Structures are given as structure tokens and as C-alpha cells.
């Protein structure tokens, strides 16, 4: 017996399933946007004072890029998570949703470590964990929904880029 079998919801009518599915999807999108908003709030203070003093590489984007790009990426992530949620009557969504939650949490921790604690090294360690967590999530989600998996790929690309920028900062500080 798998964990997914133990946690499957009780049988519902088709209307009840549809109602609760869409509500859960909205919660997932809202959670993703909340993580993005919290990260932005944490980064804003340090982003204006501490971050400009760090040794940047020439390929570090201007600060105004982060807000729009992250909002789009977190909306795509929320849609991807919602697509998996909508497929939750299948036995294979437990692990993808768990991986999704882990990568979302790791994504929340990065701005806290990097900007909040002003610690690029801890941020770099977290962004590496985040990179692996997003990769695991993509592979897990692709097994449930090809569209959902591909919607996460741009975020994985952004995390790759963030890891490179963060790593360059750590390298230049040592």
C-alpha cells in the first residue's frame, strides 16, 4: 500500500470533485504568488542598500527585471501545480505534489538567506538544493501532465541562471 493510497480523498460526486479541484487549484496559484511576494518583500530592503555593493558579473540583470520575470514564472508554476492537483484522482500525483511543495519551500528560503540574512554563501547552497528540487519536480510532474512539466521548465532555467549569478558573487567575494 502506498502513501498515495492512504491519502486519497473519499469518493465524491463529479460535481463535488470539480468544485474542490478548482478551489485547490486557486489555492496553489495563490500560494505560489504569496511565496513570490514574500521573497520580493525580503529582497526589497537589501536590494536597495546591501545588494548594489556586491561584486556583480556583467551578466547580472538590472534590478527591475526580477519583479516581472518572477511574477510570470510563479504564475506558470501555480498553473503547473494546479494541473497536477486537478489530476489528483490518479494514483501518481502524491510524489509530484510533494516535490512541488518542497521546491516551493526552497524557493522561499533563498531570498531569506541571500537577501534577508545577507549571506550569499548560504543562498548559494540553497539555490543548488532548489535547482535539484525543481529538476525532481519537473521529472515527477511530467509523469502526470506533459503541459505542467513544461510549464516548470522556464522556472528551472531561471533557477539555473540565479545559481550562476549567486555562485559568481560568492566566487568574487572570496
N, C-alpha and C. Protein backbone atom coordinates (compact mmCIF):
# COMPACT_ATOMS: atom_id res chain seq x y z
N UNK A 1 0.86 -1.17 0.00
CA UNK A 1 0.00 0.00 0.00
C UNK A 1 0.90 1.23 0.00
N UNK A 2 0.66 2.16 -0.92
CA UNK A 2 1.49 3.36 -1.00
C UNK A 2 0.90 4.49 -0.17
N UNK A 3 1.73 5.49 0.06
CA UNK A 3 1.28 6.67 0.78
C UNK A 3 0.13 7.33 0.04
N UNK A 4 0.20 7.32 -1.29
CA UNK A 4 -0.86 7.94 -2.09
C UNK A 4 -2.20 7.25 -1.83
N UNK A 5 -2.17 5.95 -1.69
CA UNK A 5 -3.40 5.22 -1.41
C UNK A 5 -3.96 5.62 -0.06
N UNK A 6 -3.09 5.84 0.90
CA UNK A 6 -3.53 6.21 2.23
C UNK A 6 -4.13 7.61 2.28
N UNK A 7 -3.66 8.50 1.39
CA UNK A 7 -4.08 9.89 1.46
C UNK A 7 -5.11 10.27 0.41
N UNK A 8 -5.60 9.33 -0.37
CA UNK A 8 -6.59 9.66 -1.39
C UNK A 8 -7.88 10.13 -0.73
N UNK A 9 -8.49 11.17 -1.31
CA UNK A 9 -9.73 11.67 -0.73
C UNK A 9 -10.86 10.65 -0.89
N UNK A 10 -11.88 10.81 -0.04
CA UNK A 10 -13.01 9.90 -0.14
C UNK A 10 -13.74 10.15 -1.47
N UNK A 11 -14.44 9.17 -1.97
CA UNK A 11 -15.12 9.34 -3.25
C UNK A 11 -16.11 10.50 -3.19
N UNK A 12 -16.17 11.25 -4.28
CA UNK A 12 -17.08 12.39 -4.39
C UNK A 12 -17.88 12.24 -5.67
N UNK A 13 -18.95 13.00 -5.72
CA UNK A 13 -19.66 13.08 -6.98
C UNK A 13 -18.80 13.87 -7.95
N UNK A 14 -19.09 13.79 -9.24
CA UNK A 14 -18.32 14.53 -10.24
C UNK A 14 -18.38 16.04 -9.99
N UNK A 15 -19.56 16.56 -9.59
CA UNK A 15 -19.68 17.99 -9.31
C UNK A 15 -18.85 18.40 -8.10
N UNK A 16 -18.88 17.58 -7.04
CA UNK A 16 -18.08 17.90 -5.86
C UNK A 16 -16.59 17.87 -6.19
N UNK A 17 -16.18 16.87 -6.96
CA UNK A 17 -14.78 16.76 -7.35
C UNK A 17 -14.34 17.99 -8.13
N UNK A 18 -15.15 18.43 -9.09
CA UNK A 18 -14.84 19.60 -9.90
C UNK A 18 -14.76 20.86 -9.03
N UNK A 19 -15.70 21.01 -8.12
CA UNK A 19 -15.74 22.19 -7.25
C UNK A 19 -14.48 22.26 -6.37
N UNK A 20 -14.14 21.16 -5.72
CA UNK A 20 -12.98 21.16 -4.84
C UNK A 20 -11.68 21.19 -5.63
N UNK A 21 -11.66 20.64 -6.82
CA UNK A 21 -10.46 20.67 -7.64
C UNK A 21 -10.10 22.08 -8.03
N UNK A 22 -11.07 22.85 -8.52
CA UNK A 22 -10.78 24.22 -8.93
C UNK A 22 -10.41 25.08 -7.74
N UNK A 23 -11.05 24.87 -6.62
CA UNK A 23 -10.69 25.61 -5.42
C UNK A 23 -9.26 25.33 -4.99
N UNK A 24 -8.88 24.08 -5.05
CA UNK A 24 -7.50 23.70 -4.71
C UNK A 24 -6.50 24.30 -5.69
N UNK A 25 -6.87 24.34 -6.95
CA UNK A 25 -6.00 24.94 -7.96
C UNK A 25 -5.78 26.42 -7.70
N UNK A 26 -6.83 27.10 -7.30
CA UNK A 26 -6.72 28.53 -6.97
C UNK A 26 -5.80 28.71 -5.76
N UNK A 27 -5.92 27.84 -4.78
CA UNK A 27 -5.06 27.90 -3.59
C UNK A 27 -3.59 27.71 -3.98
N UNK A 28 -3.33 26.80 -4.88
CA UNK A 28 -1.95 26.54 -5.32
C UNK A 28 -1.38 27.78 -6.02
N UNK A 29 -2.15 28.38 -6.91
CA UNK A 29 -1.68 29.60 -7.59
C UNK A 29 -1.45 30.70 -6.56
N UNK A 30 -2.37 30.86 -5.62
CA UNK A 30 -2.23 31.89 -4.59
C UNK A 30 -1.00 31.63 -3.72
N UNK A 31 -0.73 30.37 -3.39
CA UNK A 31 0.45 30.03 -2.59
C UNK A 31 1.73 30.39 -3.34
N UNK A 32 1.76 30.10 -4.62
CA UNK A 32 2.93 30.44 -5.43
C UNK A 32 3.14 31.96 -5.48
N UNK A 33 2.07 32.70 -5.67
CA UNK A 33 2.18 34.16 -5.71
C UNK A 33 2.54 34.72 -4.34
N UNK A 34 2.09 34.07 -3.27
CA UNK A 34 2.46 34.51 -1.92
C UNK A 34 3.95 34.30 -1.69
N UNK A 35 4.49 33.18 -2.13
CA UNK A 35 5.93 32.93 -2.00
C UNK A 35 6.71 33.99 -2.77
N UNK A 36 6.25 34.31 -3.97
CA UNK A 36 6.92 35.34 -4.78
C UNK A 36 6.85 36.69 -4.07
N UNK A 37 5.70 37.04 -3.52
CA UNK A 37 5.53 38.33 -2.85
C UNK A 37 6.39 38.42 -1.59
N UNK A 38 6.45 37.35 -0.82
CA UNK A 38 7.28 37.34 0.39
C UNK A 38 8.75 37.49 0.01
N UNK A 39 9.17 36.75 -1.00
CA UNK A 39 10.55 36.86 -1.47
C UNK A 39 10.88 38.27 -1.93
N UNK A 40 9.94 38.90 -2.61
CA UNK A 40 10.15 40.27 -3.09
C UNK A 40 10.27 41.23 -1.90
N UNK A 41 9.40 41.07 -0.90
CA UNK A 41 9.46 41.95 0.27
C UNK A 41 10.79 41.80 1.01
N UNK A 42 11.25 40.56 1.16
CA UNK A 42 12.53 40.31 1.84
C UNK A 42 13.67 40.95 1.05
N UNK A 43 13.61 40.83 -0.28
CA UNK A 43 14.70 41.33 -1.12
C UNK A 43 14.71 42.85 -1.26
N UNK A 44 13.56 43.49 -1.12
CA UNK A 44 13.49 44.93 -1.38
C UNK A 44 14.39 45.76 -0.49
N UNK A 45 14.41 45.49 0.79
CA UNK A 45 15.25 46.29 1.69
C UNK A 45 16.72 46.15 1.36
N UNK A 46 17.21 44.91 1.31
CA UNK A 46 18.62 44.65 1.00
C UNK A 46 18.93 44.96 -0.46
N UNK A 47 17.92 44.80 -1.29
CA UNK A 47 18.14 45.04 -2.71
C UNK A 47 18.52 46.48 -3.00
N UNK A 48 18.08 47.38 -2.16
CA UNK A 48 18.40 48.80 -2.37
C UNK A 48 19.69 49.20 -1.67
N UNK A 49 20.02 48.56 -0.55
CA UNK A 49 21.17 49.01 0.22
C UNK A 49 22.38 48.07 0.10
N UNK A 50 22.20 46.81 0.43
CA UNK A 50 23.31 45.86 0.51
C UNK A 50 23.69 45.28 -0.85
N UNK A 51 22.73 44.87 -1.64
CA UNK A 51 22.99 44.16 -2.89
C UNK A 51 23.82 44.97 -3.89
N UNK A 52 23.57 46.26 -4.09
CA UNK A 52 24.37 47.01 -5.07
C UNK A 52 25.87 47.02 -4.75
N UNK A 53 26.25 46.79 -3.50
CA UNK A 53 27.66 46.77 -3.13
C UNK A 53 28.35 45.44 -3.38
N UNK A 54 27.60 44.43 -3.80
CA UNK A 54 28.20 43.13 -4.05
C UNK A 54 28.94 43.12 -5.38
N UNK A 55 29.97 42.28 -5.47
CA UNK A 55 30.69 42.18 -6.75
C UNK A 55 29.83 41.42 -7.78
N UNK A 56 29.35 42.12 -8.77
CA UNK A 56 28.47 41.51 -9.77
C UNK A 56 29.25 41.20 -11.04
N UNK A 57 28.74 40.25 -11.79
CA UNK A 57 29.29 39.96 -13.10
C UNK A 57 28.53 40.78 -14.14
N UNK A 58 29.08 40.85 -15.33
CA UNK A 58 28.46 41.67 -16.37
C UNK A 58 27.10 41.12 -16.80
N UNK A 59 26.85 39.86 -16.53
CA UNK A 59 25.58 39.26 -16.95
C UNK A 59 24.53 39.25 -15.85
N UNK A 60 24.77 40.02 -14.79
CA UNK A 60 23.75 40.19 -13.75
C UNK A 60 22.69 41.14 -14.28
N UNK A 61 21.43 40.75 -14.25
CA UNK A 61 20.38 41.61 -14.82
C UNK A 61 20.12 42.84 -13.96
N UNK A 62 19.57 43.88 -14.56
CA UNK A 62 19.18 45.05 -13.76
C UNK A 62 18.05 44.66 -12.80
N UNK A 63 17.96 45.36 -11.70
CA UNK A 63 17.00 45.04 -10.66
C UNK A 63 15.55 45.02 -11.11
N UNK A 64 15.18 45.87 -12.06
CA UNK A 64 13.79 45.95 -12.49
C UNK A 64 13.33 44.69 -13.21
N UNK A 65 14.24 43.85 -13.65
CA UNK A 65 13.88 42.62 -14.38
C UNK A 65 13.24 41.59 -13.46
N UNK A 66 13.68 41.55 -12.22
CA UNK A 66 13.28 40.48 -11.31
C UNK A 66 11.78 40.42 -11.06
N UNK A 67 11.16 41.54 -10.78
CA UNK A 67 9.73 41.55 -10.44
C UNK A 67 8.85 40.93 -11.52
N UNK A 68 8.89 41.46 -12.75
CA UNK A 68 8.03 40.90 -13.80
C UNK A 68 8.37 39.45 -14.14
N UNK A 69 9.66 39.13 -14.21
CA UNK A 69 10.05 37.76 -14.57
C UNK A 69 9.58 36.78 -13.50
N UNK A 70 9.82 37.11 -12.24
CA UNK A 70 9.41 36.19 -11.17
C UNK A 70 7.90 36.05 -11.09
N UNK A 71 7.17 37.13 -11.31
CA UNK A 71 5.71 37.02 -11.28
C UNK A 71 5.22 36.06 -12.36
N UNK A 72 5.75 36.20 -13.56
CA UNK A 72 5.35 35.30 -14.65
C UNK A 72 5.73 33.86 -14.32
N UNK A 73 6.94 33.66 -13.83
CA UNK A 73 7.40 32.30 -13.51
C UNK A 73 6.57 31.66 -12.41
N UNK A 74 6.20 32.44 -11.39
CA UNK A 74 5.41 31.88 -10.30
C UNK A 74 3.96 31.62 -10.73
N UNK A 75 3.43 32.42 -11.65
CA UNK A 75 2.11 32.11 -12.20
C UNK A 75 2.17 30.80 -12.98
N UNK A 76 3.20 30.64 -13.82
CA UNK A 76 3.35 29.38 -14.57
C UNK A 76 3.49 28.21 -13.61
N UNK A 77 4.25 28.41 -12.54
CA UNK A 77 4.41 27.35 -11.55
C UNK A 77 3.08 27.01 -10.90
N UNK A 78 2.29 28.03 -10.57
CA UNK A 78 0.98 27.79 -9.97
C UNK A 78 0.05 27.05 -10.90
N UNK A 79 0.08 27.40 -12.18
CA UNK A 79 -0.75 26.69 -13.16
C UNK A 79 -0.30 25.23 -13.25
N UNK A 80 1.01 25.02 -13.28
CA UNK A 80 1.53 23.65 -13.33
C UNK A 80 1.09 22.84 -12.12
N UNK A 81 1.23 23.42 -10.94
CA UNK A 81 0.79 22.72 -9.73
C UNK A 81 -0.70 22.45 -9.74
N UNK A 82 -1.46 23.39 -10.27
CA UNK A 82 -2.92 23.21 -10.36
C UNK A 82 -3.29 22.08 -11.30
N UNK A 83 -2.57 21.97 -12.41
CA UNK A 83 -2.83 20.87 -13.35
C UNK A 83 -2.59 19.52 -12.68
N UNK A 84 -1.56 19.45 -11.87
CA UNK A 84 -1.29 18.20 -11.14
C UNK A 84 -2.39 17.96 -10.12
N UNK A 85 -2.79 19.02 -9.42
CA UNK A 85 -3.86 18.91 -8.44
C UNK A 85 -5.15 18.41 -9.09
N UNK A 86 -5.45 18.93 -10.26
CA UNK A 86 -6.67 18.52 -10.96
C UNK A 86 -6.65 17.04 -11.34
N UNK A 87 -5.46 16.48 -11.43
CA UNK A 87 -5.32 15.07 -11.76
C UNK A 87 -5.21 14.21 -10.51
N UNK A 88 -5.56 14.76 -9.35
CA UNK A 88 -5.30 14.07 -8.08
C UNK A 88 -6.12 12.81 -7.86
N UNK A 89 -7.10 12.54 -8.70
CA UNK A 89 -7.80 11.27 -8.55
C UNK A 89 -6.97 10.12 -9.10
N UNK A 90 -5.85 10.46 -9.73
CA UNK A 90 -4.91 9.44 -10.20
C UNK A 90 -3.98 9.08 -9.05
N UNK A 91 -3.46 7.87 -9.07
CA UNK A 91 -2.58 7.41 -8.00
C UNK A 91 -1.20 8.04 -8.04
N UNK A 92 -0.83 8.65 -9.15
CA UNK A 92 0.55 9.10 -9.31
C UNK A 92 0.78 10.59 -9.05
N UNK A 93 -0.07 11.25 -8.29
CA UNK A 93 0.12 12.67 -8.03
C UNK A 93 0.69 12.98 -6.66
N UNK A 94 0.77 12.02 -5.78
CA UNK A 94 1.28 12.26 -4.43
C UNK A 94 2.73 12.74 -4.46
N UNK A 95 3.58 12.01 -5.12
CA UNK A 95 5.00 12.38 -5.18
C UNK A 95 5.22 13.69 -5.94
N UNK A 96 4.58 13.91 -7.08
CA UNK A 96 4.77 15.20 -7.75
C UNK A 96 4.32 16.39 -6.90
N UNK A 97 3.20 16.26 -6.20
CA UNK A 97 2.75 17.36 -5.35
C UNK A 97 3.68 17.58 -4.16
N UNK A 98 4.24 16.52 -3.64
CA UNK A 98 5.21 16.64 -2.55
C UNK A 98 6.47 17.33 -3.06
N UNK A 99 6.97 16.91 -4.21
CA UNK A 99 8.15 17.55 -4.80
C UNK A 99 7.86 19.02 -5.09
N UNK A 100 6.67 19.31 -5.56
CA UNK A 100 6.26 20.69 -5.84
C UNK A 100 6.33 21.54 -4.56
N UNK A 101 5.80 21.00 -3.48
CA UNK A 101 5.80 21.73 -2.20
C UNK A 101 7.23 21.95 -1.70
N UNK A 102 8.09 20.97 -1.86
CA UNK A 102 9.48 21.10 -1.41
C UNK A 102 10.20 22.17 -2.21
N UNK A 103 10.03 22.17 -3.53
CA UNK A 103 10.72 23.18 -4.33
C UNK A 103 10.15 24.56 -4.08
N UNK A 104 8.87 24.65 -3.77
CA UNK A 104 8.27 25.94 -3.45
C UNK A 104 8.86 26.47 -2.14
N UNK A 105 9.03 25.59 -1.16
CA UNK A 105 9.64 25.99 0.12
C UNK A 105 11.09 26.41 -0.07
N UNK A 106 11.85 25.65 -0.85
CA UNK A 106 13.25 26.01 -1.11
C UNK A 106 13.34 27.34 -1.84
N UNK A 107 12.35 27.61 -2.71
CA UNK A 107 12.31 28.89 -3.40
C UNK A 107 12.02 30.05 -2.46
N UNK A 108 11.31 29.79 -1.40
CA UNK A 108 11.03 30.82 -0.38
C UNK A 108 12.26 31.06 0.49
N UNK A 109 13.01 30.02 0.76
CA UNK A 109 14.18 30.14 1.64
C UNK A 109 15.29 30.96 0.99
N UNK A 110 15.46 30.86 -0.33
CA UNK A 110 16.58 31.54 -0.97
C UNK A 110 16.62 33.05 -0.70
N UNK A 111 15.55 33.82 -0.94
CA UNK A 111 15.67 35.26 -0.67
C UNK A 111 15.89 35.56 0.81
N UNK A 112 15.40 34.69 1.69
CA UNK A 112 15.62 34.90 3.12
C UNK A 112 17.11 34.76 3.43
N UNK A 113 17.75 33.73 2.89
CA UNK A 113 19.17 33.52 3.15
C UNK A 113 20.02 34.57 2.44
N UNK A 114 19.76 34.77 1.16
CA UNK A 114 20.59 35.66 0.36
C UNK A 114 20.39 37.12 0.74
N UNK A 115 19.15 37.58 0.72
CA UNK A 115 18.87 38.99 0.99
C UNK A 115 18.61 39.27 2.47
N UNK A 116 17.74 38.47 3.09
CA UNK A 116 17.37 38.72 4.49
C UNK A 116 18.56 38.60 5.43
N UNK A 117 19.30 37.49 5.32
CA UNK A 117 20.48 37.29 6.16
C UNK A 117 21.74 37.87 5.52
N UNK A 118 21.61 38.35 4.29
CA UNK A 118 22.73 38.91 3.53
C UNK A 118 23.90 37.93 3.50
N UNK A 119 23.58 36.68 3.15
CA UNK A 119 24.58 35.62 3.14
C UNK A 119 24.57 34.92 1.79
N UNK A 120 25.38 35.40 0.84
CA UNK A 120 25.41 34.77 -0.47
C UNK A 120 25.83 33.30 -0.46
N UNK A 121 26.70 32.92 0.47
CA UNK A 121 27.13 31.52 0.52
C UNK A 121 25.96 30.60 0.89
N UNK A 122 25.21 30.95 1.94
CA UNK A 122 24.04 30.14 2.30
C UNK A 122 22.99 30.19 1.18
N UNK A 123 22.85 31.35 0.56
CA UNK A 123 21.94 31.46 -0.58
C UNK A 123 22.35 30.52 -1.70
N UNK A 124 23.66 30.44 -1.94
CA UNK A 124 24.16 29.56 -3.00
C UNK A 124 23.88 28.09 -2.68
N UNK A 125 24.10 27.71 -1.44
CA UNK A 125 23.79 26.32 -1.03
C UNK A 125 22.31 26.04 -1.26
N UNK A 126 21.45 26.98 -0.85
CA UNK A 126 20.01 26.78 -1.04
C UNK A 126 19.63 26.75 -2.51
N UNK A 127 20.21 27.62 -3.33
CA UNK A 127 19.82 27.63 -4.74
C UNK A 127 20.26 26.34 -5.43
N UNK A 128 21.34 25.72 -4.96
CA UNK A 128 21.70 24.41 -5.51
C UNK A 128 20.68 23.35 -5.11
N UNK A 129 20.25 23.39 -3.85
CA UNK A 129 19.18 22.48 -3.40
C UNK A 129 17.91 22.76 -4.21
N UNK A 130 17.60 24.03 -4.40
CA UNK A 130 16.42 24.42 -5.18
C UNK A 130 16.52 23.89 -6.60
N UNK A 131 17.69 23.99 -7.21
CA UNK A 131 17.88 23.51 -8.58
C UNK A 131 17.56 22.02 -8.69
N UNK A 132 18.08 21.24 -7.75
CA UNK A 132 17.78 19.80 -7.75
C UNK A 132 16.31 19.54 -7.46
N UNK A 133 15.73 20.31 -6.54
CA UNK A 133 14.31 20.12 -6.20
C UNK A 133 13.42 20.44 -7.40
N UNK A 134 13.73 21.50 -8.13
CA UNK A 134 12.93 21.83 -9.31
C UNK A 134 13.11 20.76 -10.37
N UNK A 135 14.32 20.28 -10.55
CA UNK A 135 14.56 19.19 -11.51
C UNK A 135 13.76 17.95 -11.16
N UNK A 136 13.76 17.59 -9.88
CA UNK A 136 12.96 16.44 -9.43
C UNK A 136 11.48 16.70 -9.68
N UNK A 137 11.04 17.91 -9.38
CA UNK A 137 9.63 18.27 -9.58
C UNK A 137 9.26 18.16 -11.05
N UNK A 138 10.09 18.68 -11.92
CA UNK A 138 9.81 18.60 -13.36
C UNK A 138 9.67 17.15 -13.80
N UNK A 139 10.61 16.30 -13.38
CA UNK A 139 10.52 14.90 -13.80
C UNK A 139 9.29 14.21 -13.22
N UNK A 140 8.95 14.52 -11.98
CA UNK A 140 7.76 13.94 -11.35
C UNK A 140 6.48 14.42 -12.04
N UNK A 141 6.41 15.72 -12.30
CA UNK A 141 5.20 16.31 -12.87
C UNK A 141 5.00 15.86 -14.32
N UNK A 142 6.09 15.69 -15.07
CA UNK A 142 5.95 15.22 -16.45
C UNK A 142 5.23 13.88 -16.53
N UNK A 143 5.35 13.06 -15.47
CA UNK A 143 4.65 11.78 -15.44
C UNK A 143 3.15 11.91 -15.28
N UNK A 144 2.70 13.08 -14.82
CA UNK A 144 1.27 13.32 -14.63
C UNK A 144 0.70 14.16 -15.76
N UNK A 145 1.42 15.21 -16.13
CA UNK A 145 0.95 16.13 -17.16
C UNK A 145 2.14 16.71 -17.91
N UNK A 146 2.22 16.43 -19.19
CA UNK A 146 3.31 16.98 -20.01
C UNK A 146 3.27 18.51 -19.98
N UNK A 147 2.08 19.08 -20.10
CA UNK A 147 1.95 20.53 -20.08
C UNK A 147 2.46 21.11 -18.77
N UNK A 148 2.07 20.53 -17.65
CA UNK A 148 2.50 21.02 -16.34
C UNK A 148 4.03 20.93 -16.21
N UNK A 149 4.60 19.84 -16.66
CA UNK A 149 6.05 19.69 -16.60
C UNK A 149 6.77 20.76 -17.41
N UNK A 150 6.28 21.00 -18.61
CA UNK A 150 6.92 22.02 -19.46
C UNK A 150 6.70 23.43 -18.93
N UNK A 151 5.62 23.66 -18.22
CA UNK A 151 5.40 24.98 -17.62
C UNK A 151 6.42 25.28 -16.52
N UNK A 152 7.02 24.25 -15.95
CA UNK A 152 8.03 24.44 -14.90
C UNK A 152 9.44 24.64 -15.46
N UNK A 153 9.65 24.30 -16.71
CA UNK A 153 10.99 24.39 -17.29
C UNK A 153 11.53 25.82 -17.30
N UNK A 154 10.74 26.85 -17.63
CA UNK A 154 11.30 28.21 -17.55
C UNK A 154 11.78 28.58 -16.14
N UNK A 155 11.06 28.14 -15.12
CA UNK A 155 11.49 28.40 -13.74
C UNK A 155 12.81 27.70 -13.46
N UNK A 156 12.93 26.47 -13.94
CA UNK A 156 14.18 25.73 -13.76
C UNK A 156 15.33 26.47 -14.44
N UNK A 157 15.06 27.03 -15.62
CA UNK A 157 16.07 27.84 -16.30
C UNK A 157 16.45 29.06 -15.48
N UNK A 158 15.45 29.73 -14.90
CA UNK A 158 15.72 30.91 -14.09
C UNK A 158 16.53 30.54 -12.84
N UNK A 159 16.20 29.42 -12.23
CA UNK A 159 16.95 28.96 -11.06
C UNK A 159 18.39 28.65 -11.46
N UNK A 160 18.59 28.08 -12.62
CA UNK A 160 19.94 27.82 -13.13
C UNK A 160 20.71 29.14 -13.26
N UNK A 161 20.06 30.13 -13.85
CA UNK A 161 20.67 31.45 -14.02
C UNK A 161 20.95 32.09 -12.65
N UNK A 162 20.01 31.99 -11.73
CA UNK A 162 20.18 32.53 -10.38
C UNK A 162 21.37 31.86 -9.69
N UNK A 163 21.49 30.55 -9.86
CA UNK A 163 22.62 29.83 -9.25
C UNK A 163 23.94 30.34 -9.81
N UNK A 164 23.98 30.59 -11.11
CA UNK A 164 25.21 31.10 -11.73
C UNK A 164 25.56 32.49 -11.20
N UNK A 165 24.55 33.38 -11.13
CA UNK A 165 24.78 34.73 -10.62
C UNK A 165 25.21 34.68 -9.15
N UNK A 166 24.50 33.89 -8.35
CA UNK A 166 24.81 33.74 -6.94
C UNK A 166 26.20 33.15 -6.76
N UNK A 167 26.52 32.12 -7.53
CA UNK A 167 27.85 31.50 -7.46
C UNK A 167 28.96 32.46 -7.82
N UNK A 168 28.72 33.30 -8.83
CA UNK A 168 29.71 34.29 -9.24
C UNK A 168 29.95 35.30 -8.12
N UNK A 169 28.90 35.68 -7.43
CA UNK A 169 29.05 36.61 -6.29
C UNK A 169 29.89 35.97 -5.20
N UNK A 170 29.58 34.72 -4.86
CA UNK A 170 30.34 34.01 -3.83
C UNK A 170 31.81 33.90 -4.25
N UNK A 171 32.06 33.54 -5.50
CA UNK A 171 33.41 33.40 -6.00
C UNK A 171 34.18 34.71 -5.91
N UNK A 172 33.53 35.80 -6.28
CA UNK A 172 34.20 37.12 -6.27
C UNK A 172 34.40 37.65 -4.85
N UNK A 173 33.62 37.16 -3.90
CA UNK A 173 33.76 37.62 -2.51
C UNK A 173 34.92 36.90 -1.79
N UNK A 174 35.33 35.77 -2.34
CA UNK A 174 36.39 35.00 -1.66
C UNK A 174 37.76 35.32 -2.18
